Amino acid sequence: MAGREDLERILAGCRNGDPGCFAWLVDDYSSRCYGYFYRLTGNRDVSEDLLSELFVRLVEKIGTYNGGSFESWLFKIAANIFHDHLRAKQRRKKLIEAHAVHMAMDHCESASATDDRLDKLQTQLARLDDDTRELIMLRFYGQLSFKEIAAMRPEPIGTTLSKMHRGLKKLREWME
């Protein structure tokens, strides 16, 4: 931790776009912020994603910091990012539940051997992680293109394609 004068100098450097000052902030605050996110989520990957988002927002919003406790300002941004994450998670959960209801209704309308296959598909979809299940639902039930899905999510299209490929591969293996 730097003294108050050092921190003010570093923050002034950040406002002027000095990458070294931003690097110092990342080095100095990343472990505390990661710990904060990890205690809230219990998930390393999510915590790392939230930490990355925090430092992106720090770069975007450093000009709005106008004195006072930098730590309070930084952790307020971190709290907002976490709450955004929770809201997004809740929206995904509702979307998945709505599709599950739709699938169950479709299932009730169909008959014969396809019923067993649909039951098995529903069971195997439930085994997938929420993120992968959401991708599959958006693609096949929302009928969105990969480009549209990637645009909805803050990730490159290649990442979306890769996650979809891995998820479908798992489903195929489980369905055999």
Protein backbone atom coordinates (compact mmCIF):
# COMPACT_ATOMS: atom_id res chain seq x y z
CA MET A 1 0.00 0.00 0.00
CA ALA A 2 1.21 3.42 -0.88
CA GLY A 3 0.86 6.48 1.29
CA ARG A 4 -1.90 9.00 0.60
CA GLU A 5 0.44 11.28 -1.41
CA ASP A 6 1.75 8.36 -3.48
CA LEU A 7 -1.80 7.18 -4.17
CA GLU A 8 -2.84 10.67 -5.28
CA ARG A 9 0.17 10.82 -7.61
CA ILE A 10 -0.68 7.39 -9.04
CA LEU A 11 -4.33 8.32 -9.50
CA ALA A 12 -3.30 11.51 -11.28
CA GLY A 13 -1.13 9.39 -13.56
CA CYS A 14 -4.10 7.11 -14.25
CA ARG A 15 -6.26 10.11 -15.15
CA ASN A 16 -3.55 11.07 -17.64
CA GLY A 17 -3.58 7.55 -19.12
CA ASP A 18 -0.25 6.36 -17.71
CA PRO A 19 -0.25 2.54 -18.12
CA GLY A 20 2.38 2.18 -15.39
CA CYS A 21 0.06 3.81 -12.87
CA PHE A 22 -2.81 1.55 -13.88
CA ALA A 23 -0.48 -1.45 -13.57
CA TRP A 24 0.43 -0.34 -10.06
CA LEU A 25 -3.25 -0.13 -9.08
CA VAL A 26 -3.90 -3.58 -10.51
CA ASP A 27 -0.91 -5.03 -8.68
CA ASP A 28 -1.77 -3.33 -5.41
CA TYR A 29 -5.54 -3.99 -5.32
CA SER A 30 -6.08 -7.18 -7.31
CA SER A 31 -5.62 -9.63 -4.43
CA ARG A 32 -8.00 -7.74 -2.13
CA CYS A 33 -10.62 -7.35 -4.84
CA TYR A 34 -10.25 -10.97 -5.95
CA GLY A 35 -10.73 -12.07 -2.33
CA TYR A 36 -13.85 -9.94 -2.10
CA PHE A 37 -15.33 -11.50 -5.24
CA TYR A 38 -14.28 -15.03 -4.27
CA ARG A 39 -15.92 -14.75 -0.85
CA LEU A 40 -19.12 -13.63 -2.56
CA THR A 41 -19.19 -16.20 -5.38
CA GLY A 42 -17.12 -19.14 -4.14
CA ASN A 43 -16.03 -19.63 -7.75
CA ARG A 44 -12.54 -18.89 -9.06
CA ASP A 45 -13.52 -18.40 -12.70
CA VAL A 46 -16.38 -16.06 -11.88
CA SER A 47 -14.17 -14.15 -9.44
CA GLU A 48 -11.49 -13.71 -12.11
CA ASP A 49 -14.10 -12.51 -14.62
CA LEU A 50 -15.51 -10.03 -12.11
CA LEU A 51 -12.00 -8.83 -11.24
CA SER A 52 -11.26 -8.24 -14.92
CA GLU A 53 -14.51 -6.32 -15.28
CA LEU A 54 -13.58 -4.24 -12.24
CA PHE A 55 -10.29 -3.12 -13.74
CA VAL A 56 -11.89 -2.39 -17.10
CA ARG A 57 -14.41 -0.19 -15.29
CA LEU A 58 -11.59 1.39 -13.30
CA VAL A 59 -9.95 2.50 -16.55
CA GLU A 60 -13.28 3.80 -17.85
CA LYS A 61 -14.31 5.60 -14.66
CA ILE A 62 -11.03 6.84 -13.15
CA GLY A 63 -11.95 10.35 -14.25
CA THR A 64 -15.03 10.29 -12.00
CA TYR A 65 -12.98 9.72 -8.84
CA ASN A 66 -12.84 13.09 -7.13
CA GLY A 67 -11.16 12.53 -3.81
CA GLY A 68 -12.13 10.81 -0.61
CA SER A 69 -11.34 7.21 0.12
CA PHE A 70 -10.13 5.51 -3.05
CA GLU A 71 -10.75 2.10 -1.51
CA SER A 72 -14.39 2.97 -0.79
CA TRP A 73 -14.81 4.23 -4.34
CA LEU A 74 -13.16 1.12 -5.80
CA PHE A 75 -15.16 -1.32 -3.69
CA LYS A 76 -18.40 0.51 -4.52
CA ILE A 77 -17.65 -0.21 -8.18
CA ALA A 78 -16.82 -3.83 -7.23
CA ALA A 79 -20.14 -4.14 -5.37
CA ASN A 80 -22.02 -2.77 -8.38
CA ILE A 81 -20.28 -5.28 -10.66
CA PHE A 82 -21.22 -8.11 -8.31
CA HIS A 83 -24.86 -6.98 -8.22
CA ASP A 84 -24.86 -6.77 -12.04
CA HIS A 85 -23.54 -10.34 -12.07
CA LEU A 86 -26.34 -11.50 -9.75
CA ARG A 87 -29.00 -9.81 -11.88
CA ALA A 88 -27.59 -11.39 -15.04
CA LYS A 89 -27.47 -14.79 -13.35
CA GLN A 90 -31.10 -14.40 -12.29
CA ARG A 91 -32.13 -13.42 -15.85
CA ARG A 92 -30.34 -16.50 -17.24
CA LYS A 93 -32.03 -18.71 -14.67
CA LYS A 94 -35.47 -17.36 -15.60
CA LEU A 95 -34.72 -17.84 -19.30
CA ILE A 96 -33.63 -21.42 -18.72
CA GLU A 97 -36.68 -22.14 -16.56
CA ALA A 98 -38.99 -20.68 -19.23
CA HIS A 99 -37.39 -22.89 -21.86
CA ALA A 100 -37.64 -25.91 -19.59
CA VAL A 101 -41.37 -25.24 -19.19
CA HIS A 102 -41.69 -24.86 -22.95
CA MET A 103 -39.82 -28.11 -23.48
CA ALA A 104 -42.02 -29.86 -20.92
CA MET A 105 -45.14 -28.62 -22.72
CA ASP A 106 -43.74 -29.80 -26.04
CA HIS A 107 -42.91 -33.09 -24.40
CA CYS A 108 -46.48 -33.56 -23.17
CA GLU A 109 -47.84 -32.98 -26.67
CA SER A 110 -45.60 -35.57 -28.26
CA ALA A 111 -45.94 -39.32 -27.84
CA SER A 112 -44.17 -42.67 -28.25
CA ALA A 113 -40.41 -43.30 -28.34
CA THR A 114 -39.54 -39.65 -28.76
CA ASP A 115 -40.86 -39.10 -25.23
CA ASP A 116 -38.05 -41.18 -23.81
CA ARG A 117 -35.50 -39.39 -25.95
CA LEU A 118 -36.81 -35.97 -24.88
CA ASP A 119 -36.76 -37.03 -21.23
CA LYS A 120 -33.16 -38.10 -21.62
CA LEU A 121 -32.29 -34.84 -23.40
CA GLN A 122 -33.88 -32.79 -20.63
CA THR A 123 -31.97 -34.76 -18.01
CA GLN A 124 -28.67 -34.33 -19.86
CA LEU A 125 -29.28 -30.60 -20.42
CA ALA A 126 -29.74 -30.22 -16.67
CA ARG A 127 -26.29 -31.76 -16.14
CA LEU A 128 -24.60 -28.99 -18.14
CA ASP A 129 -23.31 -25.89 -16.38
CA ASP A 130 -25.63 -22.87 -16.48
CA ASP A 131 -23.50 -20.98 -18.99
CA THR A 132 -23.36 -23.82 -21.52
CA ARG A 133 -27.04 -24.64 -21.08
CA GLU A 134 -27.88 -20.98 -21.71
CA LEU A 135 -25.85 -20.99 -24.93
CA ILE A 136 -27.64 -24.07 -26.22
CA MET A 137 -31.04 -22.64 -25.30
CA LEU A 138 -30.28 -19.34 -27.02
CA ARG A 139 -29.04 -21.10 -30.14
CA PHE A 140 -31.65 -23.81 -30.57
CA TYR A 141 -34.71 -22.50 -28.74
CA GLY A 142 -34.11 -18.78 -29.18
CA GLN A 143 -32.94 -19.45 -32.74
CA LEU A 144 -30.21 -16.83 -32.41
CA SER A 145 -27.10 -16.86 -34.56
CA PHE A 146 -23.70 -17.31 -32.96
CA LYS A 147 -22.95 -13.70 -33.80
CA GLU A 148 -26.09 -12.54 -31.97
CA ILE A 149 -25.30 -14.70 -28.95
CA ALA A 150 -21.72 -13.41 -28.76
CA ALA A 151 -23.00 -9.83 -29.02
CA MET A 152 -25.37 -10.46 -26.10
CA ARG A 153 -22.52 -11.75 -24.00
CA PRO A 154 -19.32 -9.82 -23.46
CA GLU A 155 -17.18 -12.37 -25.27
CA PRO A 156 -15.68 -12.90 -28.72
CA ILE A 157 -17.59 -15.07 -31.17
CA GLY A 158 -14.77 -17.64 -31.08
CA THR A 159 -15.30 -18.13 -27.35
CA THR A 160 -19.02 -18.59 -27.91
CA LEU A 161 -18.40 -21.13 -30.66
CA SER A 162 -15.88 -23.02 -28.54
CA LYS A 163 -18.22 -23.21 -25.53
CA MET A 164 -21.08 -24.34 -27.76
CA HIS A 165 -18.92 -27.01 -29.39
CA ARG A 166 -17.79 -28.40 -26.04
CA GLY A 167 -21.35 -28.36 -24.67
CA LEU A 168 -22.82 -30.16 -27.68
CA LYS A 169 -20.01 -32.71 -27.60
CA LYS A 170 -20.83 -33.49 -23.95
CA LEU A 171 -24.52 -33.79 -24.78
CA ARG A 172 -23.82 -36.19 -27.66
CA GLU A 173 -21.64 -38.36 -25.42
CA TRP A 174 -24.25 -38.43 -22.67
CA MET A 175 -27.09 -39.16 -25.09
CA GLU A 176 -25.38 -42.28 -26.54
